[in-house]
Amino acid sequence: MISVVIPAFNEGAAVRQTVQQLSAILAGSEHEIIVVDDGSSDATGSEASAAGARVVVHPHNLGYGGALKTGIRAAVYDTIVITDADGTYPNADLPKLLDEYRKGFNMAVGARTGPHYHESLLKS
């Protein structure tokens, strides 16, 4: 039983694909996908809803942290996965991350990788 929380601000072009990908990855397991539309001025909320996500809407932008808190509070299940709407996290690796978590850890943390992710020099 997994709750996936996706904070999203003006991600209407990408969020549907992300929700569909996560739905396919988690098919066969009890899960929910929550998109927190953080005051977007585009179609983020409607695109997420059309893809099957439960959408929680902020009337104005509260920022990434605020959207995370809202999504976590809205989650039904104790196992919470956080990812972004823009495809920069390798969601296809989610089963591997969950396998590690299920070994008895309290938390498992993944890292962004791949050709579409460009780490900030400040994080190096």
PDB file of N, CA and C in Angstrom:
ATOM      1  N   MET A   1       0.850  -1.166   0.000  1.00  0.00           N
ATOM      2  CA  MET A   1       0.000   0.000   0.000  1.00  0.00           C
ATOM      3  C   MET A   1       0.901   1.236   0.000  1.00  0.00           C
ATOM      4  N   ILE A   2       0.800   1.968  -1.104  1.00  0.00           N
ATOM      5  CA  ILE A   2       1.743   3.057  -1.345  1.00  0.00           C
ATOM      6  C   ILE A   2       0.989   4.316  -1.741  1.00  0.00           C
ATOM      7  N   SER A   3       1.387   5.440  -1.163  1.00  0.00           N
ATOM      8  CA  SER A   3       0.914   6.750  -1.591  1.00  0.00           C
ATOM      9  C   SER A   3       2.069   7.443  -2.303  1.00  0.00           C
ATOM     10  N   VAL A   4       1.834   7.857  -3.528  1.00  0.00           N
ATOM     11  CA  VAL A   4       2.830   8.621  -4.276  1.00  0.00           C
ATOM     12  C   VAL A   4       2.392  10.077  -4.250  1.00  0.00           C
ATOM     13  N   VAL A   5       3.284  10.950  -3.802  1.00  0.00           N
ATOM     14  CA  VAL A   5       3.008  12.380  -3.725  1.00  0.00           C
ATOM     15  C   VAL A   5       3.845  13.083  -4.779  1.00  0.00           C
ATOM     16  N   ILE A   6       3.166  13.884  -5.596  1.00  0.00           N
ATOM     17  CA  ILE A   6       3.838  14.621  -6.668  1.00  0.00           C
ATOM     18  C   ILE A   6       3.498  16.099  -6.519  1.00  0.00           C
ATOM     19  N   PRO A   7       4.419  16.906  -5.986  1.00  0.00           N
ATOM     20  CA  PRO A   7       4.194  18.350  -5.970  1.00  0.00           C
ATOM     21  C   PRO A   7       4.379  18.865  -7.392  1.00  0.00           C
ATOM     22  N   ALA A   8       3.497  19.761  -7.838  1.00  0.00           N
ATOM     23  CA  ALA A   8       3.573  20.208  -9.228  1.00  0.00           C
ATOM     24  C   ALA A   8       3.182  21.674  -9.360  1.00  0.00           C
ATOM     25  N   PHE A   9       4.011  22.418 -10.042  1.00  0.00           N
ATOM     26  CA  PHE A   9       3.729  23.826 -10.352  1.00  0.00           C
ATOM     27  C   PHE A   9       3.974  24.033 -11.839  1.00  0.00           C
ATOM     28  N   ASN A  10       2.910  24.308 -12.563  1.00  0.00           N
ATOM     29  CA  ASN A  10       2.970  24.540 -14.008  1.00  0.00           C
ATOM     30  C   ASN A  10       3.673  23.396 -14.747  1.00  0.00           C
ATOM     31  N   GLU A  11       3.224  22.185 -14.462  1.00  0.00           N
ATOM     32  CA  GLU A  11       3.770  20.985 -15.105  1.00  0.00           C
ATOM     33  C   GLU A  11       2.730  20.305 -15.997  1.00  0.00           C
ATOM     34  N   GLY A  12       1.808  21.090 -16.548  1.00  0.00           N
ATOM     35  CA  GLY A  12       0.743  20.556 -17.380  1.00  0.00           C
ATOM     36  C   GLY A  12       1.231  19.753 -18.575  1.00  0.00           C
ATOM     37  N   ALA A  13       2.388  20.081 -19.086  1.00  0.00           N
ATOM     38  CA  ALA A  13       2.922  19.377 -20.256  1.00  0.00           C
ATOM     39  C   ALA A  13       3.500  18.017 -19.910  1.00  0.00           C
ATOM     40  N   ALA A  14       3.836  17.773 -18.651  1.00  0.00           N
ATOM     41  CA  ALA A  14       4.539  16.543 -18.277  1.00  0.00           C
ATOM     42  C   ALA A  14       3.799  15.669 -17.279  1.00  0.00           C
ATOM     43  N   VAL A  15       2.902  16.226 -16.494  1.00  0.00           N
ATOM     44  CA  VAL A  15       2.343  15.501 -15.355  1.00  0.00           C
ATOM     45  C   VAL A  15       1.514  14.290 -15.777  1.00  0.00           C
ATOM     46  N   ARG A  16       0.797  14.379 -16.880  1.00  0.00           N
ATOM     47  CA  ARG A  16      -0.029  13.238 -17.313  1.00  0.00           C
ATOM     48  C   ARG A  16       0.855  12.015 -17.568  1.00  0.00           C
ATOM     49  N   GLN A  17       1.952  12.218 -18.285  1.00  0.00           N
ATOM     50  CA  GLN A  17       2.856  11.108 -18.593  1.00  0.00           C
ATOM     51  C   GLN A  17       3.449  10.519 -17.315  1.00  0.00           C
ATOM     52  N   THR A  18       3.815  11.364 -16.373  1.00  0.00           N
ATOM     53  CA  THR A  18       4.383  10.888 -15.117  1.00  0.00           C
ATOM     54  C   THR A  18       3.367  10.057 -14.339  1.00  0.00           C
ATOM     55  N   VAL A  19       2.142  10.527 -14.244  1.00  0.00           N
ATOM     56  CA  VAL A  19       1.098   9.785 -13.529  1.00  0.00           C
ATOM     57  C   VAL A  19       0.825   8.455 -14.225  1.00  0.00           C
ATOM     58  N   GLN A  20       0.745   8.469 -15.535  1.00  0.00           N
ATOM     59  CA  GLN A  20       0.503   7.221 -16.277  1.00  0.00           C
ATOM     60  C   GLN A  20       1.648   6.228 -16.082  1.00  0.00           C
ATOM     61  N   GLN A  21       2.877   6.723 -16.102  1.00  0.00           N
ATOM     62  CA  GLN A  21       4.035   5.857 -15.890  1.00  0.00           C
ATOM     63  C   GLN A  21       3.981   5.226 -14.499  1.00  0.00           C
ATOM     64  N   LEU A  22       3.704   6.033 -13.484  1.00  0.00           N
ATOM     65  CA  LEU A  22       3.633   5.515 -12.120  1.00  0.00           C
ATOM     66  C   LEU A  22       2.474   4.525 -11.958  1.00  0.00           C
ATOM     67  N   SER A  23       1.350   4.798 -12.583  1.00  0.00           N
ATOM     68  CA  SER A  23       0.212   3.870 -12.531  1.00  0.00           C
ATOM     69  C   SER A  23       0.592   2.516 -13.110  1.00  0.00           C
ATOM     70  N   ALA A  24       1.328   2.539 -14.217  1.00  0.00           N
ATOM     71  CA  ALA A  24       1.758   1.283 -14.843  1.00  0.00           C
ATOM     72  C   ALA A  24       2.762   0.550 -13.955  1.00  0.00           C
ATOM     73  N   ILE A  25       3.692   1.277 -13.376  1.00  0.00           N
ATOM     74  CA  ILE A  25       4.713   0.677 -12.510  1.00  0.00           C
ATOM     75  C   ILE A  25       4.071   0.039 -11.278  1.00  0.00           C
ATOM     76  N   LEU A  26       3.055   0.680 -10.738  1.00  0.00           N
ATOM     77  CA  LEU A  26       2.431   0.225  -9.500  1.00  0.00           C
ATOM     78  C   LEU A  26       1.192  -0.641  -9.733  1.00  0.00           C
ATOM     79  N   ALA A  27       0.892  -0.948 -10.988  1.00  0.00           N
ATOM     80  CA  ALA A  27      -0.271  -1.788 -11.299  1.00  0.00           C
ATOM     81  C   ALA A  27      -0.154  -3.110 -10.543  1.00  0.00           C
ATOM     82  N   GLY A  28      -1.255  -3.546  -9.993  1.00  0.00           N
ATOM     83  CA  GLY A  28      -1.249  -4.799  -9.242  1.00  0.00           C
ATOM     84  C   GLY A  28      -0.980  -4.616  -7.767  1.00  0.00           C
ATOM     85  N   SER A  29      -0.621  -3.398  -7.370  1.00  0.00           N
ATOM     86  CA  SER A  29      -0.424  -3.131  -5.942  1.00  0.00           C
ATOM     87  C   SER A  29      -1.420  -2.050  -5.523  1.00  0.00           C
ATOM     88  N   GLU A  30      -1.811  -2.094  -4.269  1.00  0.00           N
ATOM     89  CA  GLU A  30      -2.731  -1.078  -3.770  1.00  0.00           C
ATOM     90  C   GLU A  30      -1.962   0.224  -3.619  1.00  0.00           C
ATOM     91  N   HIS A  31      -2.424   1.264  -4.323  1.00  0.00           N
ATOM     92  CA  HIS A  31      -1.705   2.536  -4.304  1.00  0.00           C
ATOM     93  C   HIS A  31      -2.648   3.691  -4.626  1.00  0.00           C
ATOM     94  N   GLU A  32      -2.139   4.855  -4.367  1.00  0.00           N
ATOM     95  CA  GLU A  32      -2.795   6.089  -4.785  1.00  0.00           C
ATOM     96  C   GLU A  32      -1.724   7.037  -5.292  1.00  0.00           C
ATOM     97  N   ILE A  33      -2.113   7.898  -6.218  1.00  0.00           N
ATOM     98  CA  ILE A  33      -1.204   8.921  -6.719  1.00  0.00           C
ATOM     99  C   ILE A  33      -1.866  10.266  -6.449  1.00  0.00           C
ATOM    100  N   ILE A  34      -1.169  11.086  -5.689  1.00  0.00           N
ATOM    101  CA  ILE A  34      -1.672  12.405  -5.295  1.00  0.00           C
ATOM    102  C   ILE A  34      -0.802  13.458  -5.975  1.00  0.00           C
ATOM    103  N   VAL A  35      -1.423  14.324  -6.748  1.00  0.00           N
ATOM    104  CA  VAL A  35      -0.715  15.462  -7.331  1.00  0.00           C
ATOM    105  C   VAL A  35      -1.178  16.705  -6.591  1.00  0.00           C
ATOM    106  N   VAL A  36      -0.234  17.454  -6.057  1.00  0.00           N
ATOM    107  CA  VAL A  36      -0.551  18.722  -5.411  1.00  0.00           C
ATOM    108  C   VAL A  36      -0.285  19.817  -6.437  1.00  0.00           C
ATOM    109  N   ASP A  37      -1.368  20.359  -6.967  1.00  0.00           N
ATOM    110  CA  ASP A  37      -1.279  21.461  -7.929  1.00  0.00           C
ATOM    111  C   ASP A  37      -1.034  22.725  -7.110  1.00  0.00           C
ATOM    112  N   ASP A  38       0.191  23.172  -7.131  1.00  0.00           N
ATOM    113  CA  ASP A  38       0.634  24.257  -6.249  1.00  0.00           C
ATOM    114  C   ASP A  38       0.422  25.637  -6.873  1.00  0.00           C
ATOM    115  N   GLY A  39      -0.839  25.953  -7.155  1.00  0.00           N
ATOM    116  CA  GLY A  39      -1.165  27.280  -7.682  1.00  0.00           C
ATOM    117  C   GLY A  39      -0.798  27.456  -9.137  1.00  0.00           C
ATOM    118  N   SER A  40      -0.824  26.397  -9.900  1.00  0.00           N
ATOM    119  CA  SER A  40      -0.437  26.462 -11.313  1.00  0.00           C
ATOM    120  C   SER A  40      -1.376  27.350 -12.114  1.00  0.00           C
ATOM    121  N   SER A  41      -0.818  27.977 -13.156  1.00  0.00           N
ATOM    122  CA  SER A  41      -1.621  28.796 -14.066  1.00  0.00           C
ATOM    123  C   SER A  41      -1.889  28.058 -15.376  1.00  0.00           C
ATOM    124  N   ASP A  42      -1.453  26.808 -15.454  1.00  0.00           N
ATOM    125  CA  ASP A  42      -1.689  26.004 -16.649  1.00  0.00           C
ATOM    126  C   ASP A  42      -2.652  24.861 -16.302  1.00  0.00           C
ATOM    127  N   ALA A  43      -2.660  23.821 -17.093  1.00  0.00           N
ATOM    128  CA  ALA A  43      -3.604  22.713 -16.933  1.00  0.00           C
ATOM    129  C   ALA A  43      -3.059  21.577 -16.074  1.00  0.00           C
ATOM    130  N   THR A  44      -2.134  21.860 -15.178  1.00  0.00           N
ATOM    131  CA  THR A  44      -1.536  20.813 -14.346  1.00  0.00           C
ATOM    132  C   THR A  44      -2.593  19.957 -13.655  1.00  0.00           C
ATOM    133  N   GLY A  45      -3.515  20.571 -12.965  1.00  0.00           N
ATOM    134  CA  GLY A  45      -4.520  19.831 -12.214  1.00  0.00           C
ATOM    135  C   GLY A  45      -5.411  18.977 -13.094  1.00  0.00           C
ATOM    136  N   SER A  46      -5.897  19.527 -14.185  1.00  0.00           N
ATOM    137  CA  SER A  46      -6.797  18.760 -15.052  1.00  0.00           C
ATOM    138  C   SER A  46      -6.059  17.638 -15.769  1.00  0.00           C
ATOM    139  N   GLU A  47      -4.813  17.864 -16.148  1.00  0.00           N
ATOM    140  CA  GLU A  47      -4.014  16.806 -16.787  1.00  0.00           C
ATOM    141  C   GLU A  47      -3.747  15.668 -15.808  1.00  0.00           C
ATOM    142  N   ALA A  48      -3.436  16.000 -14.571  1.00  0.00           N
ATOM    143  CA  ALA A  48      -3.186  14.976 -13.554  1.00  0.00           C
ATOM    144  C   ALA A  48      -4.453  14.186 -13.267  1.00  0.00           C
ATOM    145  N   SER A  49      -5.569  14.878 -13.144  1.00  0.00           N
ATOM    146  CA  SER A  49      -6.840  14.220 -12.891  1.00  0.00           C
ATOM    147  C   SER A  49      -7.227  13.299 -14.043  1.00  0.00           C
ATOM    148  N   ALA A  50      -7.033  13.761 -15.270  1.00  0.00           N
ATOM    149  CA  ALA A  50      -7.358  12.955 -16.446  1.00  0.00           C
ATOM    150  C   ALA A  50      -6.524  11.681 -16.506  1.00  0.00           C
ATOM    151  N   ALA A  51      -5.323  11.721 -15.923  1.00  0.00           N
ATOM    152  CA  ALA A  51      -4.446  10.543 -15.901  1.00  0.00           C
ATOM    153  C   ALA A  51      -4.765   9.611 -14.743  1.00  0.00           C
ATOM    154  N   GLY A  52      -5.686  10.013 -13.863  1.00  0.00           N
ATOM    155  CA  GLY A  52      -6.102   9.140 -12.773  1.00  0.00           C
ATOM    156  C   GLY A  52      -5.596   9.519 -11.394  1.00  0.00           C
ATOM    157  N   ALA A  53      -4.909  10.634 -11.274  1.00  0.00           N
ATOM    158  CA  ALA A  53      -4.402  11.066  -9.966  1.00  0.00           C
ATOM    159  C   ALA A  53      -5.501  11.753  -9.166  1.00  0.00           C
ATOM    160  N   ARG A  54      -5.357  11.667  -7.858  1.00  0.00           N
ATOM    161  CA  ARG A  54      -6.177  12.510  -6.975  1.00  0.00           C
ATOM    162  C   ARG A  54      -5.448  13.842  -6.896  1.00  0.00           C
ATOM    163  N   VAL A  55      -6.147  14.922  -7.126  1.00  0.00           N
ATOM    164  CA  VAL A  55      -5.516  16.238  -7.177  1.00  0.00           C
ATOM    165  C   VAL A  55      -5.962  17.068  -5.981  1.00  0.00           C
ATOM    166  N   VAL A  56      -4.979  17.634  -5.300  1.00  0.00           N
ATOM    167  CA  VAL A  56      -5.212  18.600  -4.233  1.00  0.00           C
ATOM    168  C   VAL A  56      -4.695  19.928  -4.761  1.00  0.00           C
ATOM    169  N   VAL A  57      -5.511  20.972  -4.669  1.00  0.00           N
ATOM    170  CA  VAL A  57      -5.162  22.249  -5.287  1.00  0.00           C
ATOM    171  C   VAL A  57      -4.855  23.308  -4.234  1.00  0.00           C
ATOM    172  N   HIS A  58      -3.720  23.955  -4.397  1.00  0.00           N
ATOM    173  CA  HIS A  58      -3.428  25.171  -3.638  1.00  0.00           C
ATOM    174  C   HIS A  58      -3.931  26.345  -4.482  1.00  0.00           C
ATOM    175  N   PRO A  59      -4.674  27.277  -3.910  1.00  0.00           N
ATOM    176  CA  PRO A  59      -5.167  28.408  -4.700  1.00  0.00           C
ATOM    177  C   PRO A  59      -4.049  29.348  -5.165  1.00  0.00           C
ATOM    178  N   HIS A  60      -2.924  29.304  -4.474  1.00  0.00           N
ATOM    179  CA  HIS A  60      -1.749  30.080  -4.892  1.00  0.00           C
ATOM    180  C   HIS A  60      -0.510  29.265  -4.524  1.00  0.00           C
ATOM    181  N   ASN A  61       0.602  29.620  -5.109  1.00  0.00           N
ATOM    182  CA  ASN A  61       1.839  28.859  -4.953  1.00  0.00           C
ATOM    183  C   ASN A  61       2.381  28.975  -3.534  1.00  0.00           C
ATOM    184  N   LEU A  62       2.549  27.821  -2.875  1.00  0.00           N
ATOM    185  CA  LEU A  62       3.134  27.779  -1.533  1.00  0.00           C
ATOM    186  C   LEU A  62       4.574  27.284  -1.555  1.00  0.00           C
ATOM    187  N   GLY A  63       5.037  26.833  -2.715  1.00  0.00           N
ATOM    188  CA  GLY A  63       6.401  26.336  -2.835  1.00  0.00           C
ATOM    189  C   GLY A  63       6.466  24.831  -2.676  1.00  0.00           C
ATOM    190  N   TYR A  64       7.626  24.282  -3.030  1.00  0.00           N
ATOM    191  CA  TYR A  64       7.829  22.841  -3.035  1.00  0.00           C
ATOM    192  C   TYR A  64       7.560  22.214  -1.668  1.00  0.00           C
ATOM    193  N   GLY A  65       8.115  22.811  -0.626  1.00  0.00           N
ATOM    194  CA  GLY A  65       7.936  22.273   0.728  1.00  0.00           C
ATOM    195  C   GLY A  65       6.483  22.286   1.160  1.00  0.00           C
ATOM    196  N   GLY A  66       5.782  23.357   0.862  1.00  0.00           N
ATOM    197  CA  GLY A  66       4.366  23.445   1.206  1.00  0.00           C
ATOM    198  C   GLY A  66       3.548  22.398   0.474  1.00  0.00           C
ATOM    199  N   ALA A  67       3.870  22.181  -0.804  1.00  0.00           N
ATOM    200  CA  ALA A  67       3.162  21.171  -1.591  1.00  0.00           C
ATOM    201  C   ALA A  67       3.450  19.764  -1.050  1.00  0.00           C
ATOM    202  N   LEU A  68       4.695  19.517  -0.658  1.00  0.00           N
ATOM    203  CA  LEU A  68       5.023  18.212  -0.060  1.00  0.00           C
ATOM    204  C   LEU A  68       4.217  17.968   1.210  1.00  0.00           C
ATOM    205  N   LYS A  69       4.178  18.960   2.087  1.00  0.00           N
ATOM    206  CA  LYS A  69       3.443  18.810   3.345  1.00  0.00           C
ATOM    207  C   LYS A  69       1.966  18.530   3.082  1.00  0.00           C
ATOM    208  N   THR A  70       1.383  19.244   2.137  1.00  0.00           N
ATOM    209  CA  THR A  70      -0.026  19.029   1.804  1.00  0.00           C
ATOM    210  C   THR A  70      -0.245  17.611   1.288  1.00  0.00           C
ATOM    211  N   GLY A  71       0.624  17.156   0.394  1.00  0.00           N
ATOM    212  CA  GLY A  71       0.496  15.821  -0.174  1.00  0.00           C
ATOM    213  C   GLY A  71       0.669  14.732   0.863  1.00  0.00           C
ATOM    214  N   ILE A  72       1.630  14.891   1.740  1.00  0.00           N
ATOM    215  CA  ILE A  72       1.866  13.896   2.791  1.00  0.00           C
ATOM    216  C   ILE A  72       0.675  13.840   3.745  1.00  0.00           C
ATOM    217  N   ARG A  73       0.124  14.993   4.092  1.00  0.00           N
ATOM    218  CA  ARG A  73      -1.059  15.013   4.975  1.00  0.00           C
ATOM    219  C   ARG A  73      -2.264  14.351   4.300  1.00  0.00           C
ATOM    220  N   ALA A  74      -2.346  14.452   2.981  1.00  0.00           N
ATOM    221  CA  ALA A  74      -3.479  13.872   2.241  1.00  0.00           C
ATOM    222  C   ALA A  74      -3.317  12.375   2.000  1.00  0.00           C
ATOM    223  N   ALA A  75      -2.120  11.852   2.191  1.00  0.00           N
ATOM    224  CA  ALA A  75      -1.843  10.444   1.889  1.00  0.00           C
ATOM    225  C   ALA A  75      -2.642   9.510   2.781  1.00  0.00           C
ATOM    226  N   VAL A  76      -3.140   8.440   2.187  1.00  0.00           N
ATOM    227  CA  VAL A  76      -3.909   7.432   2.909  1.00  0.00           C
ATOM    228  C   VAL A  76      -2.989   6.370   3.503  1.00  0.00           C
ATOM    229  N   TYR A  77      -1.915   6.031   2.802  1.00  0.00           N
ATOM    230  CA  TYR A  77      -1.052   4.924   3.212  1.00  0.00           C
ATOM    231  C   TYR A  77       0.201   5.418   3.925  1.00  0.00           C
ATOM    232  N   ASP A  78       0.783   4.521   4.731  1.00  0.00           N
ATOM    233  CA  ASP A  78       1.971   4.866   5.510  1.00  0.00           C
ATOM    234  C   ASP A  78       3.252   4.902   4.673  1.00  0.00           C
ATOM    235  N   THR A  79       3.300   4.118   3.617  1.00  0.00           N
ATOM    236  CA  THR A  79       4.478   4.149   2.747  1.00  0.00           C
ATOM    237  C   THR A  79       4.269   5.254   1.731  1.00  0.00           C
ATOM    238  N   ILE A  80       5.112   6.276   1.804  1.00  0.00           N
ATOM    239  CA  ILE A  80       4.961   7.455   0.954  1.00  0.00           C
ATOM    240  C   ILE A  80       6.182   7.582   0.051  1.00  0.00           C
ATOM    241  N   VAL A  81       5.904   7.708  -1.224  1.00  0.00           N
ATOM    242  CA  VAL A  81       6.932   7.932  -2.239  1.00  0.00           C
ATOM    243  C   VAL A  81       6.753   9.353  -2.740  1.00  0.00           C
ATOM    244  N   ILE A  82       7.844  10.078  -2.859  1.00  0.00           N
ATOM    245  CA  ILE A  82       7.807  11.439  -3.383  1.00  0.00           C
ATOM    246  C   ILE A  82       8.591  11.467  -4.682  1.00  0.00           C
ATOM    247  N   THR A  83       7.986  12.030  -5.713  1.00  0.00           N
ATOM    248  CA  THR A  83       8.671  12.206  -6.989  1.00  0.00           C
ATOM    249  C   THR A  83       8.208  13.518  -7.599  1.00  0.00           C
ATOM    250  N   ASP A  84       8.861  13.930  -8.658  1.00  0.00           N
ATOM    251  CA  ASP A  84       8.494  15.170  -9.328  1.00  0.00           C
ATOM    252  C   ASP A  84       7.690  14.880 -10.583  1.00  0.00           C
ATOM    253  N   ALA A  85       6.951  15.871 -11.037  1.00  0.00           N
ATOM    254  CA  ALA A  85       6.073  15.723 -12.189  1.00  0.00           C
ATOM    255  C   ALA A  85       6.815  15.785 -13.518  1.00  0.00           C
ATOM    256  N   ASP A  86       8.023  16.302 -13.513  1.00  0.00           N
ATOM    257  CA  ASP A  86       8.702  16.631 -14.769  1.00  0.00           C
ATOM    258  C   ASP A  86       9.554  15.521 -15.365  1.00  0.00           C
ATOM    259  N   GLY A  87       9.530  14.332 -14.776  1.00  0.00           N
ATOM    260  CA  GLY A  87      10.265  13.210 -15.339  1.00  0.00           C
ATOM    261  C   GLY A  87      11.747  13.175 -15.024  1.00  0.00           C
ATOM    262  N   THR A  88      12.216  13.990 -14.096  1.00  0.00           N
ATOM    263  CA  THR A  88      13.650  14.006 -13.786  1.00  0.00           C
ATOM    264  C   THR A  88      14.068  12.921 -12.799  1.00  0.00           C
ATOM    265  N   TYR A  89      13.106  12.291 -12.131  1.00  0.00           N
ATOM    266  CA  TYR A  89      13.427  11.144 -11.290  1.00  0.00           C
ATOM    267  C   TYR A  89      13.250   9.869 -12.106  1.00  0.00           C
ATOM    268  N   PRO A  90      14.093   8.871 -11.902  1.00  0.00           N
ATOM    269  CA  PRO A  90      13.972   7.613 -12.653  1.00  0.00           C
ATOM    270  C   PRO A  90      12.866   6.730 -12.064  1.00  0.00           C
ATOM    271  N   ASN A  91      11.617   7.075 -12.340  1.00  0.00           N
ATOM    272  CA  ASN A  91      10.486   6.368 -11.742  1.00  0.00           C
ATOM    273  C   ASN A  91      10.470   4.882 -12.083  1.00  0.00           C
ATOM    274  N   ALA A  92      11.074   4.499 -13.179  1.00  0.00           N
ATOM    275  CA  ALA A  92      11.126   3.080 -13.545  1.00  0.00           C
ATOM    276  C   ALA A  92      11.892   2.264 -12.510  1.00  0.00           C
ATOM    277  N   ASP A  93      12.738   2.920 -11.730  1.00  0.00           N
ATOM    278  CA  ASP A  93      13.506   2.239 -10.687  1.00  0.00           C
ATOM    279  C   ASP A  93      12.772   2.177  -9.352  1.00  0.00           C
ATOM    280  N   LEU A  94      11.554   2.648  -9.298  1.00  0.00           N
ATOM    281  CA  LEU A  94      10.790   2.644  -8.054  1.00  0.00           C
ATOM    282  C   LEU A  94      10.676   1.244  -7.433  1.00  0.00           C
ATOM    283  N   PRO A  95      10.429   0.193  -8.203  1.00  0.00           N
ATOM    284  CA  PRO A  95      10.376  -1.140  -7.570  1.00  0.00           C
ATOM    285  C   PRO A  95      11.665  -1.511  -6.842  1.00  0.00           C
ATOM    286  N   LYS A  96      12.816  -1.136  -7.384  1.00  0.00           N
ATOM    287  CA  LYS A  96      14.096  -1.418  -6.698  1.00  0.00           C
ATOM    288  C   LYS A  96      14.182  -0.654  -5.383  1.00  0.00           C
ATOM    289  N   LEU A  97      13.762   0.592  -5.394  1.00  0.00           N
ATOM    290  CA  LEU A  97      13.794   1.404  -4.182  1.00  0.00           C
ATOM    291  C   LEU A  97      12.855   0.814  -3.125  1.00  0.00           C
ATOM    292  N   LEU A  98      11.673   0.394  -3.552  1.00  0.00           N
ATOM    293  CA  LEU A  98      10.729  -0.215  -2.611  1.00  0.00           C
ATOM    294  C   LEU A  98      11.248  -1.538  -2.071  1.00  0.00           C
ATOM    295  N   ASP A  99      11.950  -2.312  -2.910  1.00  0.00           N
ATOM    296  CA  ASP A  99      12.561  -3.559  -2.423  1.00  0.00           C
ATOM    297  C   ASP A  99      13.546  -3.281  -1.297  1.00  0.00           C
ATOM    298  N   GLU A 100      14.356  -2.258  -1.441  1.00  0.00           N
ATOM    299  CA  GLU A 100      15.310  -1.890  -0.391  1.00  0.00           C
ATOM    300  C   GLU A 100      14.573  -1.450   0.870  1.00  0.00           C
ATOM    301  N   TYR A 101      13.568  -0.628   0.704  1.00  0.00           N
ATOM    302  CA  TYR A 101      12.779  -0.143   1.838  1.00  0.00           C
ATOM    303  C   TYR A 101      12.171  -1.323   2.612  1.00  0.00           C
ATOM    304  N   ARG A 102      11.676  -2.295   1.895  1.00  0.00           N
ATOM    305  CA  ARG A 102      10.996  -3.435   2.522  1.00  0.00           C
ATOM    306  C   ARG A 102      11.948  -4.381   3.244  1.00  0.00           C
ATOM    307  N   LYS A 103      13.226  -4.142   3.143  1.00  0.00           N
ATOM    308  CA  LYS A 103      14.198  -4.950   3.904  1.00  0.00           C
ATOM    309  C   LYS A 103      14.216  -4.553   5.374  1.00  0.00           C
ATOM    310  N   GLY A 104      13.392  -3.579   5.753  1.00  0.00           N
ATOM    311  CA  GLY A 104      13.290  -3.189   7.148  1.00  0.00           C
ATOM    312  C   GLY A 104      13.776  -1.786   7.450  1.00  0.00           C
ATOM    313  N   PHE A 105      14.071  -1.026   6.426  1.00  0.00           N
ATOM    314  CA  PHE A 105      14.515   0.349   6.643  1.00  0.00           C
ATOM    315  C   PHE A 105      13.318   1.253   6.932  1.00  0.00           C
ATOM    316  N   ASN A 106      13.573   2.359   7.603  1.00  0.00           N
ATOM    317  CA  ASN A 106      12.541   3.361   7.848  1.00  0.00           C
ATOM    318  C   ASN A 106      12.391   4.307   6.670  1.00  0.00           C
ATOM    319  N   MET A 107      13.456   4.397   5.864  1.00  0.00           N
ATOM    320  CA  MET A 107      13.442   5.319   4.730  1.00  0.00           C
ATOM    321  C   MET A 107      14.416   4.815   3.674  1.00  0.00           C
ATOM    322  N   ALA A 108      14.061   5.031   2.426  1.00  0.00           N
ATOM    323  CA  ALA A 108      14.972   4.769   1.309  1.00  0.00           C
ATOM    324  C   ALA A 108      14.939   6.002   0.426  1.00  0.00           C
ATOM    325  N   VAL A 109      16.109   6.456   0.006  1.00  0.00           N
ATOM    326  CA  VAL A 109      16.208   7.685  -0.777  1.00  0.00           C
ATOM    327  C   VAL A 109      16.864   7.376  -2.108  1.00  0.00           C
ATOM    328  N   GLY A 110      16.201   7.773  -3.187  1.00  0.00           N
ATOM    329  CA  GLY A 110      16.758   7.610  -4.522  1.00  0.00           C
ATOM    330  C   GLY A 110      17.426   8.902  -4.960  1.00  0.00           C
ATOM    331  N   ALA A 111      18.113   8.830  -6.069  1.00  0.00           N
ATOM    332  CA  ALA A 111      18.792  10.003  -6.616  1.00  0.00           C
ATOM    333  C   ALA A 111      18.418  10.178  -8.078  1.00  0.00           C
ATOM    334  N   ARG A 112      18.336  11.419  -8.492  1.00  0.00           N
ATOM    335  CA  ARG A 112      18.057  11.704  -9.894  1.00  0.00           C
ATOM    336  C   ARG A 112      19.283  11.352 -10.720  1.00  0.00           C
ATOM    337  N   THR A 113      19.011  10.745 -11.860  1.00  0.00           N
ATOM    338  CA  THR A 113      20.082  10.368 -12.777  1.00  0.00           C
ATOM    339  C   THR A 113      19.572  10.496 -14.206  1.00  0.00           C
ATOM    340  N   GLY A 114      20.433  10.236 -15.149  1.00  0.00           N
ATOM    341  CA  GLY A 114      20.012  10.145 -16.533  1.00  0.00           C
ATOM    342  C   GLY A 114      20.287  11.381 -17.353  1.00  0.00           C
ATOM    343  N   PRO A 115      20.002  11.299 -18.638  1.00  0.00           N
ATOM    344  CA  PRO A 115      20.365  12.363 -19.572  1.00  0.00           C
ATOM    345  C   PRO A 115      19.570  13.650 -19.400  1.00  0.00           C
ATOM    346  N   HIS A 116      18.406  13.592 -18.752  1.00  0.00           N
ATOM    347  CA  HIS A 116      17.588  14.792 -18.607  1.00  0.00           C
ATOM    348  C   HIS A 116      17.821  15.521 -17.289  1.00  0.00           C
ATOM    349  N   TYR A 117      18.697  14.980 -16.450  1.00  0.00           N
ATOM    350  CA  TYR A 117      18.976  15.617 -15.168  1.00  0.00           C
ATOM    351  C   TYR A 117      20.335  16.265 -15.205  1.00  0.00           C
ATOM    352  N   HIS A 118      20.378  17.533 -14.852  1.00  0.00           N
ATOM    353  CA  HIS A 118      21.640  18.280 -14.804  1.00  0.00           C
ATOM    354  C   HIS A 118      21.796  18.849 -13.403  1.00  0.00           C
ATOM    355  N   GLU A 119      22.654  18.200 -12.616  1.00  0.00           N
ATOM    356  CA  GLU A 119      22.859  18.597 -11.236  1.00  0.00           C
ATOM    357  C   GLU A 119      23.464  19.993 -11.162  1.00  0.00           C
ATOM    358  N   SER A 120      23.019  20.758 -10.175  1.00  0.00           N
ATOM    359  CA  SER A 120      23.560  22.075  -9.943  1.00  0.00           C
ATOM    360  C   SER A 120      25.015  21.985  -9.479  1.00  0.00           C
ATOM    361  N   LEU A 121      25.822  22.886  -9.911  1.00  0.00           N
ATOM    362  CA  LEU A 121      27.208  22.919  -9.456  1.00  0.00           C
ATOM    363  C   LEU A 121      27.290  23.170  -7.956  1.00  0.00           C
ATOM    364  N   LEU A 122      26.254  23.807  -7.400  1.00  0.00           N
ATOM    365  CA  LEU A 122      26.241  24.093  -5.971  1.00  0.00           C
ATOM    366  C   LEU A 122      26.104  22.823  -5.141  1.00  0.00           C
ATOM    367  N   LYS A 123      25.568  21.755  -5.714  1.00  0.00           N
ATOM    368  CA  LYS A 123      25.391  20.498  -4.989  1.00  0.00           C
ATOM    369  C   LYS A 123      26.603  19.591  -5.103  1.00  0.00           C
ATOM    370  N   SER A 124      27.509  19.880  -5.994  1.00  0.00           N
ATOM    371  CA  SER A 124      28.669  19.007  -6.214  1.00  0.00           C
ATOM    372  C   SER A 124      29.614  19.007  -5.045  1.00  0.00           C
TER     373      SER A 124
END
